Protein backbone atom coordinates (compact mmCIF):
# COMPACT_ATOMS: atom_id res chain seq x y z
CA MET A 1 30.75 -37.56 -24.82
CA ALA A 2 28.70 -35.44 -23.12
CA ARG A 3 29.80 -31.64 -21.36
CA PRO A 4 29.36 -30.95 -18.16
CA ALA A 5 26.85 -28.65 -17.53
CA ALA A 6 27.97 -24.98 -16.79
CA PRO A 7 28.67 -24.06 -13.54
CA PHE A 8 25.42 -22.34 -11.68
CA ALA A 9 25.57 -20.65 -8.50
CA LEU A 10 22.93 -18.68 -5.45
CA THR A 11 23.80 -15.84 -4.25
CA PRO A 12 23.46 -16.58 -0.36
CA SER A 13 21.24 -13.61 -0.11
CA ASP A 14 19.01 -15.34 -2.98
CA LEU A 15 19.59 -18.61 -1.65
CA VAL A 16 17.71 -17.58 1.90
CA THR A 17 14.82 -15.69 -0.30
CA LEU A 18 14.34 -18.83 -2.34
CA GLN A 19 14.00 -21.25 0.21
CA SER A 20 11.93 -18.47 2.05
CA TRP A 21 9.10 -18.47 -0.80
CA LEU A 22 8.47 -22.08 -0.68
CA ARG A 23 7.45 -22.10 3.03
CA MET A 24 5.11 -19.50 2.10
CA GLY A 25 1.06 -20.72 1.50
CA SER A 26 0.39 -17.74 -0.35
CA LEU A 27 3.17 -17.83 -2.90
CA ALA A 28 1.75 -18.08 -7.19
CA GLN A 29 2.25 -21.60 -8.25
CA ASN A 30 4.43 -20.38 -11.25
CA LEU A 31 7.05 -18.35 -8.64
CA ALA A 32 6.95 -21.75 -6.67
CA GLN A 33 8.30 -23.67 -9.85
CA ARG A 34 10.52 -20.86 -10.42
CA ALA A 35 11.84 -21.16 -6.59
CA ARG A 36 12.54 -25.21 -7.28
CA ILE A 37 14.22 -24.77 -10.37
CA LEU A 38 16.74 -22.59 -9.38
CA LEU A 39 17.47 -24.06 -5.79
CA LEU A 40 17.68 -28.01 -7.75
CA LEU A 41 20.21 -26.71 -10.65
CA ALA A 42 22.28 -24.77 -7.13
CA ASP A 43 22.47 -28.29 -5.77
CA GLY A 44 24.37 -29.50 -8.81
CA LEU A 45 21.77 -31.10 -10.55
CA THR A 46 22.11 -31.15 -13.99
CA PRO A 47 18.92 -29.67 -16.77
CA ASN A 48 18.20 -32.67 -17.76
CA THR A 49 17.65 -34.42 -14.49
CA VAL A 50 16.22 -31.12 -12.73
CA ALA A 51 13.55 -31.09 -15.81
CA GLU A 52 12.94 -34.89 -14.97
CA GLN A 53 11.81 -34.07 -11.59
CA MET A 54 10.06 -30.92 -12.14
CA GLN A 55 8.35 -32.86 -15.27
CA VAL A 56 8.58 -29.80 -17.61
CA SER A 57 11.10 -29.52 -21.23
CA ALA A 58 14.86 -29.11 -20.52
CA SER A 59 14.03 -25.54 -22.33
CA VAL A 60 11.72 -24.04 -19.61
CA ILE A 61 15.32 -25.02 -16.97
CA PHE A 62 17.50 -22.87 -19.15
CA LYS A 63 15.21 -19.99 -20.37
CA TRP A 64 14.44 -19.15 -15.62
CA ARG A 65 18.62 -20.27 -15.77
CA LYS A 66 19.29 -17.46 -18.27
CA ARG A 67 17.00 -15.26 -16.68
CA TYR A 68 18.30 -15.51 -13.40
CA GLN A 69 21.91 -15.02 -14.85
CA GLU A 70 20.51 -11.83 -16.05
CA ALA A 71 18.38 -10.37 -14.14
CA GLY A 72 18.40 -12.15 -10.96
CA LEU A 73 15.69 -12.35 -8.99
CA GLU A 74 13.76 -10.13 -10.82
CA GLY A 75 14.32 -12.06 -13.95
CA LEU A 76 11.91 -14.43 -12.55
CA ASN A 77 8.35 -12.77 -12.99
CA ASP A 78 6.60 -12.70 -15.92
CA LEU A 79 7.49 -9.75 -18.87
CA PRO A 80 5.08 -7.63 -19.71
CA ARG A 81 2.21 -8.90 -22.14
CA SER A 82 2.67 -7.08 -25.84
CA GLY A 83 0.09 -5.29 -27.04
CA GLN A 84 -1.62 -1.72 -25.60
CA PRO A 85 -2.81 -2.40 -21.94
CA ARG A 86 -5.92 -1.76 -21.44
CA LYS A 87 -7.45 1.89 -20.41
CA LEU A 88 -10.01 2.69 -18.50
CA SER A 89 -11.91 6.02 -19.35
CA ALA A 90 -12.79 8.98 -15.98
CA ALA A 91 -16.44 8.33 -17.26
CA LYS A 92 -16.30 4.78 -16.74
CA PHE A 93 -14.22 4.85 -13.19
CA ASN A 94 -16.77 7.63 -12.16
CA ASP A 95 -20.02 5.33 -13.13
CA ILE A 96 -18.22 1.73 -11.01
CA LEU A 97 -17.42 4.92 -8.29
CA THR A 98 -21.37 5.63 -8.62
CA LEU A 99 -23.10 1.96 -9.08
CA THR A 100 -21.35 0.41 -5.54
CA THR A 101 -21.45 3.40 -2.93
CA GLN A 102 -24.62 4.69 -4.27
CA ARG A 103 -26.52 1.54 -6.15
CA VAL A 104 -27.58 -1.90 -4.62
CA PRO A 105 -27.76 -4.59 -8.06
CA HIS A 106 -31.52 -6.55 -8.46
CA GLU A 107 -29.43 -10.32 -7.66
CA ALA A 108 -28.10 -9.34 -4.55
CA THR A 109 -27.69 -7.62 -1.12
CA HIS A 110 -24.26 -5.88 -2.35
CA TRP A 111 -21.81 -5.56 -4.90
CA SER A 112 -19.28 -8.59 -6.38
CA VAL A 113 -16.40 -8.32 -8.79
CA ARG A 114 -18.32 -10.45 -11.70
CA LEU A 115 -22.03 -8.15 -10.37
CA MET A 116 -20.05 -4.82 -10.90
CA ALA A 117 -18.28 -6.07 -14.47
CA LYS A 118 -21.75 -6.99 -15.63
CA TYR A 119 -23.53 -4.11 -14.49
CA ALA A 120 -20.51 -1.51 -15.67
CA GLN A 121 -19.71 -3.67 -18.73
CA VAL A 122 -15.88 -3.26 -18.29
CA SER A 123 -13.14 -6.26 -17.36
CA THR A 124 -13.24 -7.81 -13.69
CA TRP A 125 -9.69 -6.33 -14.05
CA GLN A 126 -10.86 -3.09 -13.81
CA VAL A 127 -13.27 -3.47 -11.65
CA ARG A 128 -10.29 -4.57 -9.19
CA GLN A 129 -8.34 -2.02 -9.88
CA VAL A 130 -11.07 0.53 -9.63
CA TRP A 131 -11.99 -1.35 -6.06
CA ALA A 132 -8.27 -1.34 -4.95
CA ALA A 133 -7.21 2.58 -6.16
CA SER A 134 -10.35 3.95 -4.16
CA ASP A 135 -10.30 1.81 -0.79
CA LEU A 136 -13.68 0.01 -1.52
CA LYS A 137 -14.58 -3.49 -0.24
CA PRO A 138 -17.97 -4.15 -1.23
CA HIS A 139 -17.82 -7.80 0.27
CA ARG A 140 -16.58 -6.86 3.86
CA LEU A 141 -19.22 -5.52 6.03
CA LYS A 142 -19.03 -4.19 9.75
CA THR A 143 -21.55 -3.63 12.37
CA PHE A 144 -21.81 -0.31 14.28
CA LYS A 145 -24.28 1.56 15.84
CA ILE A 146 -24.37 5.50 16.71
CA SER A 147 -24.85 6.71 20.01
CA ASN A 148 -27.70 8.77 20.75
CA ASP A 149 -26.85 10.09 24.30
CA PRO A 150 -27.82 13.42 24.71
CA LEU A 151 -24.25 13.62 27.28
CA PHE A 152 -22.27 10.86 24.34
CA ALA A 153 -19.32 14.17 24.61
CA ASP A 154 -18.90 14.75 28.33
CA LYS A 155 -19.30 11.40 29.16
CA VAL A 156 -16.63 10.15 26.45
CA VAL A 157 -14.20 13.17 27.67
CA ASP A 158 -14.66 11.58 31.49
CA VAL A 159 -14.13 8.50 30.40
CA VAL A 160 -10.49 9.17 28.33
CA GLY A 161 -9.62 11.30 30.62
CA LEU A 162 -9.54 8.45 33.12
CA TYR A 163 -7.60 6.58 30.79
CA LEU A 164 -5.24 8.98 29.82
CA ASN A 165 -4.42 10.75 32.81
CA PRO A 166 -5.52 8.48 36.27
CA PRO A 167 -5.85 10.49 39.18
CA ASP A 168 -3.33 9.49 41.52
CA ASN A 169 -4.08 7.33 45.31
CA ALA A 170 -6.41 5.54 42.54
CA LEU A 171 -7.48 2.79 41.29
CA VAL A 172 -9.12 2.89 37.58
CA LEU A 173 -11.11 -0.37 37.21
CA SER A 174 -13.87 -0.81 33.74
CA VAL A 175 -16.50 -3.17 34.96
CA ASP A 176 -19.17 -4.77 33.10
CA GLU A 177 -20.93 -8.75 32.63
CA LYS A 178 -20.47 -10.77 30.57
CA THR A 179 -23.88 -12.69 30.60
CA GLN A 180 -25.41 -16.38 29.89
CA ILE A 181 -22.08 -17.70 29.26
CA GLN A 182 -23.04 -21.35 28.12
CA ALA A 183 -21.60 -24.61 28.81
CA LEU A 184 -21.14 -26.39 25.51
CA ASP A 185 -20.31 -30.12 25.09
CA ARG A 186 -19.68 -30.84 21.65
CA THR A 187 -21.92 -34.73 20.55
CA GLN A 188 -18.28 -35.72 19.28
CA PRO A 189 -14.69 -36.06 20.94
CA MET A 190 -12.67 -32.96 19.31
CA LEU A 191 -10.09 -34.58 16.68
CA PRO A 192 -6.47 -33.06 17.19
CA LEU A 193 -4.61 -31.06 15.35
CA ARG A 194 -2.44 -32.85 12.98
CA PRO A 195 0.45 -31.53 10.25
CA GLY A 196 -1.22 -31.22 7.22
CA GLN A 197 -4.91 -31.50 8.85
CA ILE A 198 -6.39 -28.30 11.15
CA GLU A 199 -8.89 -29.07 14.71
CA ARG A 200 -11.76 -30.29 13.62
CA ARG A 201 -15.15 -30.61 15.63
CA THR A 202 -18.77 -31.43 15.33
CA HIS A 203 -21.39 -29.06 14.38
CA ASP A 204 -23.78 -29.75 17.10
CA TYR A 205 -23.21 -29.66 20.34
CA LYS A 206 -25.03 -30.33 24.10
CA ARG A 207 -26.38 -27.35 26.11
CA HIS A 208 -25.35 -27.84 30.23
CA GLY A 209 -26.42 -24.64 31.37
CA THR A 210 -25.64 -21.14 31.82
CA ALA A 211 -23.20 -18.74 34.68
CA SER A 212 -22.76 -15.07 34.46
CA LEU A 213 -18.98 -13.36 34.73
CA TYR A 214 -18.80 -9.90 36.35
CA ALA A 215 -15.11 -8.56 35.66
CA ALA A 216 -13.29 -5.62 36.84
CA PHE A 217 -10.05 -4.40 34.85
CA ASP A 218 -7.57 -2.45 36.70
CA ILE A 219 -6.16 -0.23 33.78
CA LEU A 220 -3.24 0.68 35.14
CA THR A 221 -1.63 -3.37 35.92
CA GLY A 222 -4.09 -5.17 33.42
CA LYS A 223 -5.44 -7.07 36.26
CA VAL A 224 -8.61 -8.51 36.81
CA ILE A 225 -11.17 -9.14 39.75
CA GLY A 226 -14.04 -11.98 38.88
CA ARG A 227 -16.99 -12.74 40.28
CA ILE A 228 -19.59 -15.93 38.02
CA THR A 229 -22.77 -15.91 39.42
CA GLN A 230 -25.54 -18.11 38.46
CA ARG A 231 -27.85 -14.95 37.73
CA HIS A 232 -27.64 -11.18 36.57
CA ARG A 233 -29.42 -8.62 39.23
CA ALA A 234 -28.72 -5.66 41.17
CA LYS A 235 -28.04 -8.72 44.07
CA GLU A 236 -25.39 -9.94 42.48
CA PHE A 237 -23.51 -6.63 40.84
CA LEU A 238 -23.56 -5.21 44.60
CA ALA A 239 -22.03 -8.20 45.87
CA PHE A 240 -19.59 -8.07 42.98
CA LEU A 241 -18.76 -4.43 44.73
CA GLN A 242 -18.58 -5.72 47.90
CA GLN A 243 -15.86 -7.96 46.66
CA ILE A 244 -14.60 -5.31 44.76
CA ASP A 245 -13.96 -3.31 47.90
CA ARG A 246 -12.35 -5.74 50.10
CA SER A 247 -9.91 -6.78 46.89
CA THR A 248 -8.37 -3.06 47.20
CA PRO A 249 -6.36 -0.95 49.52
CA ALA A 250 -8.85 0.75 51.28
CA GLU A 251 -6.67 4.15 50.85
CA LEU A 252 -7.33 4.38 47.28
CA ASP A 253 -10.45 5.84 45.76
CA LEU A 254 -12.05 3.72 42.84
CA HIS A 255 -12.78 5.02 39.87
CA VAL A 256 -15.16 2.67 38.11
CA ILE A 257 -16.03 2.23 34.56
CA LEU A 258 -19.46 0.99 33.76
CA ASP A 259 -22.11 1.00 30.92
CA ASN A 260 -25.86 2.01 31.66
CA SER A 261 -27.04 -1.41 32.87
CA SER A 262 -30.72 -0.78 34.52
CA THR A 263 -29.14 -3.24 37.55
CA HIS A 264 -26.28 -0.18 37.93
CA LYS A 265 -28.64 2.23 39.21
CA THR A 266 -31.11 0.38 41.25
CA PRO A 267 -32.38 1.56 44.63
CA ALA A 268 -30.24 -1.22 46.46
CA ILE A 269 -27.38 0.17 44.92
CA LYS A 270 -27.44 3.75 46.13
CA PRO A 271 -28.16 3.04 49.46
CA TRP A 272 -24.55 1.23 49.42
CA LEU A 273 -22.47 3.85 47.20
CA GLU A 274 -23.16 6.63 49.75
CA LYS A 275 -22.17 4.45 52.57
CA HIS A 276 -18.51 3.83 50.39
CA PRO A 277 -17.54 7.34 49.28
CA ARG A 278 -14.42 6.18 47.54
CA PHE A 279 -16.77 4.54 44.85
CA LYS A 280 -16.67 6.95 41.71
CA LEU A 281 -18.82 5.77 39.37
CA HIS A 282 -18.10 6.83 35.47
CA PHE A 283 -20.76 6.19 33.03
CA THR A 284 -20.34 5.27 28.81
CA PRO A 285 -22.13 7.15 26.53
CA THR A 286 -25.34 4.58 25.77
CA SER A 287 -24.18 2.20 22.52
CA ALA A 288 -21.05 2.59 23.14
CA ALA A 289 -19.59 -0.46 24.95
CA TRP A 290 -16.41 -0.63 22.62
CA LEU A 291 -15.96 2.65 25.41
CA ASN A 292 -15.25 0.28 28.48
CA ALA A 293 -11.79 -1.08 28.36
CA VAL A 294 -12.21 -4.46 29.87
CA GLU A 295 -15.08 -5.26 26.56
CA GLY A 296 -11.44 -6.05 25.44
CA TRP A 297 -10.34 -8.62 27.44
CA PHE A 298 -13.59 -10.03 27.45
CA ALA A 299 -12.90 -10.59 23.76
CA GLN A 300 -9.86 -12.27 24.76
CA LEU A 301 -11.66 -14.59 27.25
CA GLU A 302 -14.10 -15.92 24.86
CA ARG A 303 -11.54 -16.51 22.36
CA ARG A 304 -8.92 -17.73 24.34
CA ALA A 305 -10.64 -19.99 26.89
CA LEU A 306 -14.42 -19.90 26.06
CA TYR A 307 -14.73 -20.46 21.72
CA ARG A 308 -13.39 -24.06 21.52
CA GLY A 309 -13.60 -25.14 25.16
CA VAL A 310 -15.68 -28.14 26.06
CA PHE A 311 -18.28 -27.98 29.63
CA THR A 312 -20.04 -31.32 30.39
CA SER A 313 -21.28 -28.73 33.32
CA VAL A 314 -21.87 -25.49 34.62
CA ALA A 315 -18.98 -26.04 37.64
CA GLU A 316 -16.65 -27.51 34.78
CA LEU A 317 -17.01 -24.08 32.86
CA LYS A 318 -16.74 -22.10 35.87
CA THR A 319 -13.38 -23.68 36.92
CA GLY A 320 -12.65 -23.07 33.05
CA ILE A 321 -13.02 -19.36 33.40
CA ARG A 322 -11.37 -19.15 37.03
CA GLN A 323 -8.03 -21.18 35.05
CA PHE A 324 -8.32 -18.35 32.79
CA ILE A 325 -8.31 -15.15 34.80
CA GLU A 326 -6.15 -16.67 37.27
CA ALA A 327 -3.29 -17.18 34.57
CA HIS A 328 -4.00 -13.61 32.62
CA ASN A 329 -3.22 -11.77 36.21
CA GLU A 330 0.21 -14.29 36.33
CA HIS A 331 1.10 -14.01 33.05
CA SER A 332 -0.51 -12.07 30.72
CA ALA A 333 -1.41 -8.86 32.16
CA LYS A 334 -0.04 -5.20 31.44
CA PRO A 335 -1.15 -2.19 31.42
CA PHE A 336 -4.18 -0.82 29.48
CA LYS A 337 -3.21 1.87 26.83
CA TRP A 338 -5.73 4.03 25.25
CA ASN A 339 -5.07 6.38 22.03
CA LYS A 340 -7.15 8.10 20.84
CA THR A 341 -8.25 11.64 21.79
CA ALA A 342 -11.96 12.61 22.93
CA GLU A 343 -11.83 15.18 20.41
CA THR A 344 -11.16 12.21 17.69
CA ILE A 345 -13.85 10.02 19.24
CA ILE A 346 -16.58 12.86 19.07
CA SER A 347 -15.43 14.28 15.46
CA SER A 348 -15.80 11.00 14.03
CA VAL A 349 -18.99 9.85 15.37
CA HIS A 350 -20.31 13.08 13.93
CA LYS A 351 -18.65 12.51 11.11
CA ALA A 352 -21.00 9.02 11.15
CA LYS A 353 -24.29 10.68 11.87
CA LEU A 354 -24.16 12.84 8.92
CA GLY A 355 -23.20 10.61 6.76
CA ALA A 356 -25.67 8.30 7.54
CA ILE A 357 -28.08 11.26 7.33
CA LYS A 358 -26.88 12.05 3.83
CA ASN A 359 -27.28 8.32 2.71
CA ARG A 360 -30.76 8.26 4.43
CA PHE A 361 -31.95 11.02 2.29
CA LEU A 362 -30.26 10.33 -1.08
CA ASN A 363 -32.04 6.80 -0.62
């Protein structure tokens, strides 16, 4: 007569932890298998029954049950391998750093783990360790452009000052335009999201025209004033300023943050501004659109309303944009918070310029 299996139980916290492991999409396969073994044993199944379900030998079941009983969840990790660990000399470490930061491989535009292992004559594991320790990510690329505006510092101090210390009895509006928004229609209907299947769409599309959007982002409330136009000229910008004038309390000054677009400085604009002195313009430095708060809202518009949008006409596109603005103002608007001081920004840009000059001489 077979003896009953030894009693096995998980602590409540370990039970919750193992269940959460199995819901993780990035859990290693070996840990997932061990978690399932312990959960099945905790449900009262015998080791032989668990072995049959998991399609492993009974010795594997006994091994991980014993490891858990002796060391808890820590026992589910692999033990250190025998033998002396691989060592990397300081000279080889520096070689990898020098190659990564100052050289480019002949057969590619940037380093991969395998390429570096080949050139430095080390293992891929050692390359990963050096890059992780040095916070190097050659596979990633971030675009940037350093502003050469001679008034860069003055403009940064001016704009950041408005963000950090908005003036009393005034509105601070971040204004810009998103031009040439395309009304795109896919050639076939999108395939919907299903369990185990992401949403799908065709790679090709039909164009049905374009529209431009002028937007004024109120940093105190996060609400947006928008105007959709067919063209992008000084005439449309002036009409947008007039709309702002009508849409805001007349007793408040308006501090408007703008980029250096030519449409913002035409002769048609200047006389109107002189007749409306409550409009006070503040320009961001050249090549520094990231300093304009409305750019973050434009990114939300693109991500939430345009990227997956299907528009069979410009009229549909305009309706979709207006609906997004209305929904944002009613449900999502919140005060804009700026955390970096002008001094921090100016210092970072100066360091970037020095780094660019140094690299130019090295190369």
